[in-house]
Amino acid sequence: MPEFTHTVRSLTYPECPRWRGDRLYFSDFFTNRILSVSLSGEVRCEVVVPNQPGGLGFLPDGRLLFVSVKDRRIMRRDGAESVVHADLSEVVPHHLNDMVVDAEGRAYVGNMGFDLRGGRPVAPADLWRVDPDGTFERVAEDLAFPNGSVITPDGRTLIVGESFANRLTAFDLEDGRLSGRRTWARFGEPPTTTDAGELISTVDVSADGIALDAEGAIWVTDPPHRRVLRVAEGGEILAEHVFDQGAYACALGGPGRSTLYVCLAPTWDATEAAALSGASIVQIPVDVPGAGIP
């Protein structure tokens, strides 16, 4: 077990952590809330999201953007009101998921690609760009459960975890366009099964949430193996922390961005998670600070 301290406890399923200012923002899926926590441990409810919150980000003026998972919308916080920023329900057939927002306010959002909770066969998904005016465009196709994403400090590369493909995938990023698709880190052969349960039990690294550091390495959460890995380009594992619960997302934040925050949960079953409230976020000091977005 790594040496860590708890940032916040008694959650259902924390996901999509983002450090901003002096607070860690995150979604607690099964209470339908976006919360934030200060360095002193003071927790504040930022937004109630009836259709389950997902990925988070911020526009250049500081307004919060967030995914409304089940109705497949990107929402925007305008003062005390939540308004629809973009409605992707006509083009995305299944739940939206994680999201990263670039320095110009363009959001890149993934989706599951199939009905995971309904037990349907695994199918590929797309990545969509949502512009600051709410218009949207498909920018990548045929991804295996695109999940956590980061943008490098120069704004020229986007890296996304493909949870069901044993890899991190990179794209060149220019004016919101993605090109030059390539494997950034490979952990094993892409699974060929379309059975989600079988796939999850056999994948080497199921990249969920990710966080980029100043040396160009990426912290990767791997829920089936209850761990977070620090990975170099190519796939070499530089460090590993193993937990007694699933590790679903991570962020580098705190003073100097030198704290690794890891979201832990005992289960991703909605009913069990809500009843247990046994999830938490823990923090681990790191030697190399965070970089890029988020």
C-alpha atoms as a PDB file:
ATOM      1  CA  MET A   1       0.000   0.000   0.000  1.00  0.00           C
ATOM      2  CA  PRO A   2       1.344   3.468  -0.823  1.00  0.00           C
ATOM      3  CA  GLU A   3       1.748   6.077   1.852  1.00  0.00           C
ATOM      4  CA  PHE A   4      -1.137   8.483   1.418  1.00  0.00           C
ATOM      5  CA  THR A   5      -3.566  10.663   3.302  1.00  0.00           C
ATOM      6  CA  HIS A   6      -7.268  11.063   2.636  1.00  0.00           C
ATOM      7  CA  THR A   7      -8.400  14.292   0.994  1.00  0.00           C
ATOM      8  CA  VAL A   8     -12.116  13.513   1.292  1.00  0.00           C
ATOM      9  CA  ARG A   9     -14.118  10.436   2.355  1.00  0.00           C
ATOM     10  CA  SER A  10     -17.717   9.132   2.305  1.00  0.00           C
ATOM     11  CA  LEU A  11     -18.194   9.491  -1.452  1.00  0.00           C
ATOM     12  CA  THR A  12     -20.040   7.155  -3.807  1.00  0.00           C
ATOM     13  CA  TYR A  13     -17.837   7.182  -6.912  1.00  0.00           C
ATOM     14  CA  PRO A  14     -15.465  10.137  -7.415  1.00  0.00           C
ATOM     15  CA  GLU A  15     -14.276  10.805 -10.948  1.00  0.00           C
ATOM     16  CA  CYS A  16     -12.752  13.428 -13.276  1.00  0.00           C
ATOM     17  CA  PRO A  17     -10.713  15.435 -10.690  1.00  0.00           C
ATOM     18  CA  ARG A  18      -9.447  18.870 -11.736  1.00  0.00           C
ATOM     19  CA  TRP A  19      -7.239  21.245  -9.763  1.00  0.00           C
ATOM     20  CA  ARG A  20      -8.086  24.941 -10.111  1.00  0.00           C
ATOM     21  CA  GLY A  21      -7.033  27.843  -7.916  1.00  0.00           C
ATOM     22  CA  ASP A  22      -6.767  26.347  -4.448  1.00  0.00           C
ATOM     23  CA  ARG A  23      -9.398  23.607  -4.760  1.00  0.00           C
ATOM     24  CA  LEU A  24      -9.827  20.151  -6.219  1.00  0.00           C
ATOM     25  CA  TYR A  25     -13.039  19.826  -8.248  1.00  0.00           C
ATOM     26  CA  PHE A  26     -14.521  16.405  -8.998  1.00  0.00           C
ATOM     27  CA  SER A  27     -17.725  14.569  -9.892  1.00  0.00           C
ATOM     28  CA  ASP A  28     -19.371  12.223  -7.383  1.00  0.00           C
ATOM     29  CA  PHE A  29     -21.362  10.122  -9.817  1.00  0.00           C
ATOM     30  CA  PHE A  30     -24.057   8.553  -7.703  1.00  0.00           C
ATOM     31  CA  THR A  31     -24.991  11.586  -5.629  1.00  0.00           C
ATOM     32  CA  ASN A  32     -25.319  13.556  -8.906  1.00  0.00           C
ATOM     33  CA  ARG A  33     -23.067  16.317  -7.625  1.00  0.00           C
ATOM     34  CA  ILE A  34     -19.945  18.181  -8.625  1.00  0.00           C
ATOM     35  CA  LEU A  35     -18.000  18.889  -5.454  1.00  0.00           C
ATOM     36  CA  SER A  36     -14.825  20.741  -4.590  1.00  0.00           C
ATOM     37  CA  VAL A  37     -12.502  20.386  -1.631  1.00  0.00           C
ATOM     38  CA  SER A  38     -10.007  22.873  -0.229  1.00  0.00           C
ATOM     39  CA  LEU A  39      -6.524  22.174   1.091  1.00  0.00           C
ATOM     40  CA  SER A  40      -7.972  22.214   4.597  1.00  0.00           C
ATOM     41  CA  GLY A  41     -10.563  19.573   3.682  1.00  0.00           C
ATOM     42  CA  GLU A  42     -13.634  21.832   3.419  1.00  0.00           C
ATOM     43  CA  VAL A  43     -16.052  20.273   0.920  1.00  0.00           C
ATOM     44  CA  ARG A  44     -18.447  22.396  -1.123  1.00  0.00           C
ATOM     45  CA  CYS A  45     -21.203  21.398  -3.539  1.00  0.00           C
ATOM     46  CA  GLU A  46     -20.675  23.313  -6.785  1.00  0.00           C
ATOM     47  CA  VAL A  47     -23.466  21.925  -8.986  1.00  0.00           C
ATOM     48  CA  VAL A  48     -26.236  19.338  -8.836  1.00  0.00           C
ATOM     49  CA  VAL A  49     -26.405  17.362 -12.103  1.00  0.00           C
ATOM     50  CA  PRO A  50     -29.619  15.272 -12.267  1.00  0.00           C
ATOM     51  CA  ASN A  51     -28.391  13.115 -15.162  1.00  0.00           C
ATOM     52  CA  GLN A  52     -25.023  12.307 -13.542  1.00  0.00           C
ATOM     53  CA  PRO A  53     -21.923  14.466 -13.837  1.00  0.00           C
ATOM     54  CA  GLY A  54     -18.863  13.365 -15.779  1.00  0.00           C
ATOM     55  CA  GLY A  55     -15.882  15.203 -17.228  1.00  0.00           C
ATOM     56  CA  LEU A  56     -15.055  18.725 -16.066  1.00  0.00           C
ATOM     57  CA  GLY A  57     -13.204  21.715 -17.466  1.00  0.00           C
ATOM     58  CA  PHE A  58     -13.097  25.482 -17.436  1.00  0.00           C
ATOM     59  CA  LEU A  59     -13.576  28.116 -20.105  1.00  0.00           C
ATOM     60  CA  PRO A  60     -10.921  30.842 -20.406  1.00  0.00           C
ATOM     61  CA  ASP A  61     -13.111  33.191 -18.343  1.00  0.00           C
ATOM     62  CA  GLY A  62     -13.298  30.628 -15.530  1.00  0.00           C
ATOM     63  CA  ARG A  63     -16.824  29.309 -16.100  1.00  0.00           C
ATOM     64  CA  LEU A  64     -17.250  25.614 -15.380  1.00  0.00           C
ATOM     65  CA  LEU A  65     -18.050  23.217 -18.215  1.00  0.00           C
ATOM     66  CA  PHE A  66     -19.268  19.770 -17.281  1.00  0.00           C
ATOM     67  CA  VAL A  67     -20.614  16.615 -18.867  1.00  0.00           C
ATOM     68  CA  SER A  68     -24.191  15.554 -18.153  1.00  0.00           C
ATOM     69  CA  VAL A  69     -23.631  11.863 -18.779  1.00  0.00           C
ATOM     70  CA  LYS A  70     -27.015  10.254 -19.293  1.00  0.00           C
ATOM     71  CA  ASP A  71     -28.671  12.903 -21.487  1.00  0.00           C
ATOM     72  CA  ARG A  72     -25.414  13.402 -23.448  1.00  0.00           C
ATOM     73  CA  ARG A  73     -25.081  17.141 -23.009  1.00  0.00           C
ATOM     74  CA  ILE A  74     -22.249  19.517 -22.189  1.00  0.00           C
ATOM     75  CA  MET A  75     -23.450  21.991 -19.607  1.00  0.00           C
ATOM     76  CA  ARG A  76     -22.101  25.408 -18.642  1.00  0.00           C
ATOM     77  CA  ARG A  77     -22.297  27.167 -15.304  1.00  0.00           C
ATOM     78  CA  ASP A  78     -23.418  30.777 -15.795  1.00  0.00           C
ATOM     79  CA  GLY A  79     -23.526  32.390 -12.379  1.00  0.00           C
ATOM     80  CA  ALA A  80     -25.981  30.349 -10.315  1.00  0.00           C
ATOM     81  CA  GLU A  81     -27.547  28.715 -13.392  1.00  0.00           C
ATOM     82  CA  SER A  82     -26.612  25.607 -15.368  1.00  0.00           C
ATOM     83  CA  VAL A  83     -27.336  26.013 -19.077  1.00  0.00           C
ATOM     84  CA  VAL A  84     -26.914  23.728 -22.083  1.00  0.00           C
ATOM     85  CA  HIS A  85     -23.638  24.450 -23.832  1.00  0.00           C
ATOM     86  CA  ALA A  86     -23.966  21.667 -26.426  1.00  0.00           C
ATOM     87  CA  ASP A  87     -26.467  18.857 -26.934  1.00  0.00           C
ATOM     88  CA  LEU A  88     -24.807  15.776 -28.431  1.00  0.00           C
ATOM     89  CA  SER A  89     -27.744  13.419 -27.903  1.00  0.00           C
ATOM     90  CA  GLU A  90     -28.522  13.194 -31.639  1.00  0.00           C
ATOM     91  CA  VAL A  91     -24.979  12.174 -32.606  1.00  0.00           C
ATOM     92  CA  VAL A  92     -23.746  10.153 -29.611  1.00  0.00           C
ATOM     93  CA  PRO A  93     -25.822   7.003 -28.973  1.00  0.00           C
ATOM     94  CA  HIS A  94     -24.516   6.162 -25.492  1.00  0.00           C
ATOM     95  CA  HIS A  95     -23.339   7.893 -22.336  1.00  0.00           C
ATOM     96  CA  LEU A  96     -20.836  10.718 -22.565  1.00  0.00           C
ATOM     97  CA  ASN A  97     -17.771  10.320 -20.397  1.00  0.00           C
ATOM     98  CA  ASP A  98     -14.591  12.272 -19.662  1.00  0.00           C
ATOM     99  CA  MET A  99     -13.537  15.591 -21.192  1.00  0.00           C
ATOM    100  CA  VAL A 100     -10.599  17.986 -21.439  1.00  0.00           C
ATOM    101  CA  VAL A 101     -10.936  21.693 -22.264  1.00  0.00           C
ATOM    102  CA  ASP A 102      -8.081  23.488 -24.044  1.00  0.00           C
ATOM    103  CA  ALA A 103      -6.792  27.005 -23.412  1.00  0.00           C
ATOM    104  CA  GLU A 104      -9.162  28.443 -26.047  1.00  0.00           C
ATOM    105  CA  GLY A 105     -12.223  26.837 -24.476  1.00  0.00           C
ATOM    106  CA  ARG A 106     -12.611  23.951 -26.927  1.00  0.00           C
ATOM    107  CA  ALA A 107     -13.780  20.776 -25.216  1.00  0.00           C
ATOM    108  CA  TYR A 108     -12.799  17.280 -26.351  1.00  0.00           C
ATOM    109  CA  VAL A 109     -15.265  14.731 -25.020  1.00  0.00           C
ATOM    110  CA  GLY A 110     -15.382  10.953 -25.271  1.00  0.00           C
ATOM    111  CA  ASN A 111     -18.171   8.453 -24.833  1.00  0.00           C
ATOM    112  CA  MET A 112     -18.571   4.782 -24.044  1.00  0.00           C
ATOM    113  CA  GLY A 113     -19.570   3.705 -27.533  1.00  0.00           C
ATOM    114  CA  PHE A 114     -21.954   1.026 -26.247  1.00  0.00           C
ATOM    115  CA  ASP A 115     -24.261   0.274 -23.333  1.00  0.00           C
ATOM    116  CA  LEU A 116     -21.695  -0.908 -20.791  1.00  0.00           C
ATOM    117  CA  ARG A 117     -24.081  -1.199 -17.858  1.00  0.00           C
ATOM    118  CA  GLY A 118     -26.655  -2.948 -20.027  1.00  0.00           C
ATOM    119  CA  GLY A 119     -24.217  -5.711 -20.921  1.00  0.00           C
ATOM    120  CA  ARG A 120     -24.090  -4.955 -24.636  1.00  0.00           C
ATOM    121  CA  PRO A 121     -21.100  -5.991 -26.813  1.00  0.00           C
ATOM    122  CA  VAL A 122     -18.079  -3.687 -26.820  1.00  0.00           C
ATOM    123  CA  ALA A 123     -18.142  -1.267 -29.759  1.00  0.00           C
ATOM    124  CA  PRO A 124     -15.871   1.602 -30.877  1.00  0.00           C
ATOM    125  CA  ALA A 125     -16.542   5.234 -29.999  1.00  0.00           C
ATOM    126  CA  ASP A 126     -15.772   8.691 -31.323  1.00  0.00           C
ATOM    127  CA  LEU A 127     -14.134  11.776 -29.874  1.00  0.00           C
ATOM    128  CA  TRP A 128     -16.007  15.063 -30.328  1.00  0.00           C
ATOM    129  CA  ARG A 129     -14.817  18.667 -30.180  1.00  0.00           C
ATOM    130  CA  VAL A 130     -17.224  21.226 -28.753  1.00  0.00           C
ATOM    131  CA  ASP A 131     -16.312  24.808 -29.585  1.00  0.00           C
ATOM    132  CA  PRO A 132     -16.836  27.788 -27.253  1.00  0.00           C
ATOM    133  CA  ASP A 133     -20.019  28.743 -29.146  1.00  0.00           C
ATOM    134  CA  GLY A 134     -21.493  25.270 -28.553  1.00  0.00           C
ATOM    135  CA  THR A 135     -21.081  23.920 -32.082  1.00  0.00           C
ATOM    136  CA  PHE A 136     -19.494  20.489 -32.313  1.00  0.00           C
ATOM    137  CA  GLU A 137     -17.642  18.184 -34.692  1.00  0.00           C
ATOM    138  CA  ARG A 138     -16.380  14.609 -34.687  1.00  0.00           C
ATOM    139  CA  VAL A 139     -12.572  14.758 -34.592  1.00  0.00           C
ATOM    140  CA  ALA A 140     -11.573  11.088 -34.139  1.00  0.00           C
ATOM    141  CA  GLU A 141     -13.233   7.731 -34.731  1.00  0.00           C
ATOM    142  CA  ASP A 142     -12.820   4.067 -33.858  1.00  0.00           C
ATOM    143  CA  LEU A 143     -11.524   4.524 -30.323  1.00  0.00           C
ATOM    144  CA  ALA A 144     -11.847   1.779 -27.699  1.00  0.00           C
ATOM    145  CA  PHE A 145     -13.628   3.572 -24.847  1.00  0.00           C
ATOM    146  CA  PRO A 146     -11.846   6.987 -24.985  1.00  0.00           C
ATOM    147  CA  ASN A 147     -11.458   8.098 -21.390  1.00  0.00           C
ATOM    148  CA  GLY A 148      -9.134  10.491 -19.543  1.00  0.00           C
ATOM    149  CA  SER A 149      -7.302  13.010 -21.734  1.00  0.00           C
ATOM    150  CA  VAL A 150      -4.472  15.524 -21.359  1.00  0.00           C
ATOM    151  CA  ILE A 151      -3.081  18.356 -23.478  1.00  0.00           C
ATOM    152  CA  THR A 152       0.649  19.086 -23.431  1.00  0.00           C
ATOM    153  CA  PRO A 153       1.896  22.480 -22.186  1.00  0.00           C
ATOM    154  CA  ASP A 154       2.574  23.736 -25.723  1.00  0.00           C
ATOM    155  CA  GLY A 155      -1.033  22.941 -26.692  1.00  0.00           C
ATOM    156  CA  ARG A 156       0.100  20.863 -29.636  1.00  0.00           C
ATOM    157  CA  THR A 157      -0.595  17.288 -28.514  1.00  0.00           C
ATOM    158  CA  LEU A 158      -3.695  15.600 -27.071  1.00  0.00           C
ATOM    159  CA  ILE A 159      -3.279  12.202 -25.421  1.00  0.00           C
ATOM    160  CA  VAL A 160      -6.259  10.011 -24.549  1.00  0.00           C
ATOM    161  CA  GLY A 161      -6.517   6.755 -22.649  1.00  0.00           C
ATOM    162  CA  GLU A 162      -8.258   3.978 -24.564  1.00  0.00           C
ATOM    163  CA  SER A 163      -9.561   1.956 -21.642  1.00  0.00           C
ATOM    164  CA  PHE A 164     -10.354  -1.137 -23.709  1.00  0.00           C
ATOM    165  CA  ALA A 165      -7.314  -1.166 -26.023  1.00  0.00           C
ATOM    166  CA  ASN A 166      -4.253  -1.493 -23.739  1.00  0.00           C
ATOM    167  CA  ARG A 167      -2.877   1.870 -24.836  1.00  0.00           C
ATOM    168  CA  LEU A 168      -2.635   5.629 -24.655  1.00  0.00           C
ATOM    169  CA  THR A 169      -3.170   7.309 -28.021  1.00  0.00           C
ATOM    170  CA  ALA A 170      -1.737  10.679 -29.084  1.00  0.00           C
ATOM    171  CA  PHE A 171      -2.860  13.178 -31.706  1.00  0.00           C
ATOM    172  CA  ASP A 172      -1.269  16.319 -33.083  1.00  0.00           C
ATOM    173  CA  LEU A 173      -3.495  19.238 -32.117  1.00  0.00           C
ATOM    174  CA  GLU A 174      -3.749  22.411 -34.183  1.00  0.00           C
ATOM    175  CA  ASP A 175      -6.635  24.891 -34.183  1.00  0.00           C
ATOM    176  CA  GLY A 176      -8.930  22.230 -32.753  1.00  0.00           C
ATOM    177  CA  ARG A 177      -8.056  19.664 -35.432  1.00  0.00           C
ATOM    178  CA  LEU A 178      -6.592  16.264 -34.605  1.00  0.00           C
ATOM    179  CA  SER A 179      -4.128  14.513 -36.897  1.00  0.00           C
ATOM    180  CA  GLY A 180      -1.091  12.241 -36.744  1.00  0.00           C
ATOM    181  CA  ARG A 181      -2.769   9.562 -34.682  1.00  0.00           C
ATOM    182  CA  ARG A 182      -0.243   7.273 -33.005  1.00  0.00           C
ATOM    183  CA  THR A 183       0.239   5.012 -30.012  1.00  0.00           C
ATOM    184  CA  TRP A 184       1.876   6.980 -27.182  1.00  0.00           C
ATOM    185  CA  ALA A 185       2.165   4.024 -24.804  1.00  0.00           C
ATOM    186  CA  ARG A 186       1.423   0.364 -25.463  1.00  0.00           C
ATOM    187  CA  PHE A 187       0.748  -2.025 -22.582  1.00  0.00           C
ATOM    188  CA  GLY A 188      -0.200  -5.155 -24.496  1.00  0.00           C
ATOM    189  CA  GLU A 189      -2.118  -6.381 -27.499  1.00  0.00           C
ATOM    190  CA  PRO A 190      -5.567  -4.830 -28.028  1.00  0.00           C
ATOM    191  CA  PRO A 191      -8.151  -7.360 -26.792  1.00  0.00           C
ATOM    192  CA  THR A 192     -10.289  -8.948 -29.503  1.00  0.00           C
ATOM    193  CA  THR A 193     -13.261  -9.996 -27.368  1.00  0.00           C
ATOM    194  CA  THR A 194     -16.462  -7.946 -27.464  1.00  0.00           C
ATOM    195  CA  ASP A 195     -17.545  -9.170 -24.032  1.00  0.00           C
ATOM    196  CA  ALA A 196     -16.917  -6.284 -21.622  1.00  0.00           C
ATOM    197  CA  GLY A 197     -16.560  -8.460 -18.530  1.00  0.00           C
ATOM    198  CA  GLU A 198     -14.035 -10.733 -20.208  1.00  0.00           C
ATOM    199  CA  LEU A 199     -12.149  -7.761 -21.620  1.00  0.00           C
ATOM    200  CA  ILE A 200     -11.878  -5.995 -18.259  1.00  0.00           C
ATOM    201  CA  SER A 201     -10.583  -9.157 -16.621  1.00  0.00           C
ATOM    202  CA  THR A 202      -7.841  -9.719 -19.222  1.00  0.00           C
ATOM    203  CA  VAL A 203      -6.622  -6.243 -20.242  1.00  0.00           C
ATOM    204  CA  ASP A 204      -3.082  -5.438 -19.025  1.00  0.00           C
ATOM    205  CA  VAL A 205      -3.755  -1.769 -18.256  1.00  0.00           C
ATOM    206  CA  SER A 206      -7.256  -0.331 -18.522  1.00  0.00           C
ATOM    207  CA  ALA A 207      -6.298   3.347 -18.790  1.00  0.00           C
ATOM    208  CA  ASP A 208      -9.029   5.394 -17.102  1.00  0.00           C
ATOM    209  CA  GLY A 209      -8.092   8.836 -15.747  1.00  0.00           C
ATOM    210  CA  ILE A 210      -4.667  10.276 -16.630  1.00  0.00           C
ATOM    211  CA  ALA A 211      -2.459  13.189 -15.563  1.00  0.00           C
ATOM    212  CA  LEU A 212       0.637  14.622 -17.276  1.00  0.00           C
ATOM    213  CA  ASP A 213       3.762  15.724 -15.401  1.00  0.00           C
ATOM    214  CA  ALA A 214       6.582  18.154 -16.163  1.00  0.00           C
ATOM    215  CA  GLU A 215       8.949  15.410 -17.346  1.00  0.00           C
ATOM    216  CA  GLY A 216       6.438  14.253 -19.947  1.00  0.00           C
ATOM    217  CA  ALA A 217       5.419  11.119 -18.058  1.00  0.00           C
ATOM    218  CA  ILE A 218       1.752  10.298 -17.477  1.00  0.00           C
ATOM    219  CA  TRP A 219       0.062   8.969 -14.358  1.00  0.00           C
ATOM    220  CA  VAL A 220      -2.531   6.370 -15.413  1.00  0.00           C
ATOM    221  CA  THR A 221      -5.243   4.861 -13.231  1.00  0.00           C
ATOM    222  CA  ASP A 222      -5.939   1.180 -13.872  1.00  0.00           C
ATOM    223  CA  PRO A 223      -9.186   0.216 -12.077  1.00  0.00           C
ATOM    224  CA  PRO A 224      -9.198  -3.594 -12.561  1.00  0.00           C
ATOM    225  CA  HIS A 225      -5.740  -3.811 -10.995  1.00  0.00           C
ATOM    226  CA  ARG A 226      -6.473  -1.203  -8.289  1.00  0.00           C
ATOM    227  CA  ARG A 227      -3.434   0.895  -9.105  1.00  0.00           C
ATOM    228  CA  VAL A 228      -2.039   4.085 -10.527  1.00  0.00           C
ATOM    229  CA  LEU A 229       1.050   3.944 -12.746  1.00  0.00           C
ATOM    230  CA  ARG A 230       3.571   6.545 -13.841  1.00  0.00           C
ATOM    231  CA  VAL A 231       4.312   5.734 -17.471  1.00  0.00           C
ATOM    232  CA  ALA A 232       6.897   6.985 -19.956  1.00  0.00           C
ATOM    233  CA  GLU A 233       6.199   7.426 -23.654  1.00  0.00           C
ATOM    234  CA  GLY A 234       6.385   3.957 -25.160  1.00  0.00           C
ATOM    235  CA  GLY A 235       4.869   2.242 -22.135  1.00  0.00           C
ATOM    236  CA  GLU A 236       7.686   1.765 -19.613  1.00  0.00           C
ATOM    237  CA  ILE A 237       6.272   1.781 -16.080  1.00  0.00           C
ATOM    238  CA  LEU A 238       8.298   4.191 -13.933  1.00  0.00           C
ATOM    239  CA  ALA A 239       6.322   3.949 -10.684  1.00  0.00           C
ATOM    240  CA  GLU A 240       3.334   2.099  -9.275  1.00  0.00           C
ATOM    241  CA  HIS A 241       0.992   2.555  -6.309  1.00  0.00           C
ATOM    242  CA  VAL A 242      -1.454  -0.271  -5.522  1.00  0.00           C
ATOM    243  CA  PHE A 243      -4.589   0.220  -3.403  1.00  0.00           C
ATOM    244  CA  ASP A 244      -7.246  -1.935  -1.767  1.00  0.00           C
ATOM    245  CA  GLN A 245      -9.971  -0.374  -3.974  1.00  0.00           C
ATOM    246  CA  GLY A 246     -10.277   0.425  -7.655  1.00  0.00           C
ATOM    247  CA  ALA A 247      -8.361   3.542  -8.762  1.00  0.00           C
ATOM    248  CA  TYR A 248     -10.519   5.316 -11.330  1.00  0.00           C
ATOM    249  CA  ALA A 249      -9.080   8.790 -11.913  1.00  0.00           C
ATOM    250  CA  CYS A 250      -6.194  11.048 -10.919  1.00  0.00           C
ATOM    251  CA  ALA A 251      -4.976  14.633 -11.037  1.00  0.00           C
ATOM    252  CA  LEU A 252      -1.829  16.557 -10.186  1.00  0.00           C
ATOM    253  CA  GLY A 253      -2.628  19.589  -8.044  1.00  0.00           C
ATOM    254  CA  GLY A 254      -2.043  21.239  -4.710  1.00  0.00           C
ATOM    255  CA  PRO A 255       0.749  23.771  -4.096  1.00  0.00           C
ATOM    256  CA  GLY A 256       3.125  23.625  -7.040  1.00  0.00           C
ATOM    257  CA  ARG A 257       0.999  20.833  -8.531  1.00  0.00           C
ATOM    258  CA  SER A 258       3.174  18.405  -6.567  1.00  0.00           C
ATOM    259  CA  THR A 259       0.375  16.279  -5.112  1.00  0.00           C
ATOM    260  CA  LEU A 260      -1.117  13.293  -6.892  1.00  0.00           C
ATOM    261  CA  TYR A 261      -4.824  12.958  -6.121  1.00  0.00           C
ATOM    262  CA  VAL A 262      -6.311   9.500  -6.776  1.00  0.00           C
ATOM    263  CA  CYS A 263     -10.044   8.686  -6.835  1.00  0.00           C
ATOM    264  CA  LEU A 264     -10.803   5.333  -5.195  1.00  0.00           C
ATOM    265  CA  ALA A 265     -14.045   3.360  -5.014  1.00  0.00           C
ATOM    266  CA  PRO A 266     -14.967  -0.135  -3.827  1.00  0.00           C
ATOM    267  CA  THR A 267     -17.415  -0.681  -6.698  1.00  0.00           C
ATOM    268  CA  TRP A 268     -18.782   1.004  -9.817  1.00  0.00           C
ATOM    269  CA  ASP A 269     -22.210  -0.556  -9.376  1.00  0.00           C
ATOM    270  CA  ALA A 270     -24.537   2.416  -8.846  1.00  0.00           C
ATOM    271  CA  THR A 271     -26.782   0.828  -6.212  1.00  0.00           C
ATOM    272  CA  GLU A 272     -23.956  -0.674  -4.177  1.00  0.00           C
ATOM    273  CA  ALA A 273     -21.825   2.474  -4.397  1.00  0.00           C
ATOM    274  CA  ALA A 274     -24.654   4.722  -3.231  1.00  0.00           C
ATOM    275  CA  ALA A 275     -25.412   2.409  -0.302  1.00  0.00           C
ATOM    276  CA  LEU A 276     -21.793   2.021   0.807  1.00  0.00           C
ATOM    277  CA  SER A 277     -20.527   5.609   0.420  1.00  0.00           C
ATOM    278  CA  GLY A 278     -17.137   3.985   0.859  1.00  0.00           C
ATOM    279  CA  ALA A 279     -15.269   5.846  -1.868  1.00  0.00           C
ATOM    280  CA  SER A 280     -12.649   8.517  -1.271  1.00  0.00           C
ATOM    281  CA  ILE A 281      -9.921  10.660  -2.775  1.00  0.00           C
ATOM    282  CA  VAL A 282      -6.395  10.186  -1.459  1.00  0.00           C
ATOM    283  CA  GLN A 283      -3.275  12.267  -1.965  1.00  0.00           C
ATOM    284  CA  ILE A 284       0.346  11.246  -2.492  1.00  0.00           C
ATOM    285  CA  PRO A 285       3.296  13.678  -2.702  1.00  0.00           C
ATOM    286  CA  VAL A 286       5.301  13.425  -5.933  1.00  0.00           C
ATOM    287  CA  ASP A 287       8.721  14.650  -6.978  1.00  0.00           C
ATOM    288  CA  VAL A 288       7.706  15.830 -10.468  1.00  0.00           C
ATOM    289  CA  PRO A 289       4.895  18.397 -10.631  1.00  0.00           C
ATOM    290  CA  GLY A 290       1.973  18.427 -13.005  1.00  0.00           C
ATOM    291  CA  ALA A 291       2.023  20.108 -16.412  1.00  0.00           C
ATOM    292  CA  GLY A 292      -0.357  20.909 -19.237  1.00  0.00           C
ATOM    293  CA  ILE A 293      -4.145  20.611 -19.101  1.00  0.00           C
ATOM    294  CA  PRO A 294      -5.988  19.650 -16.979  1.00  0.00           C
END
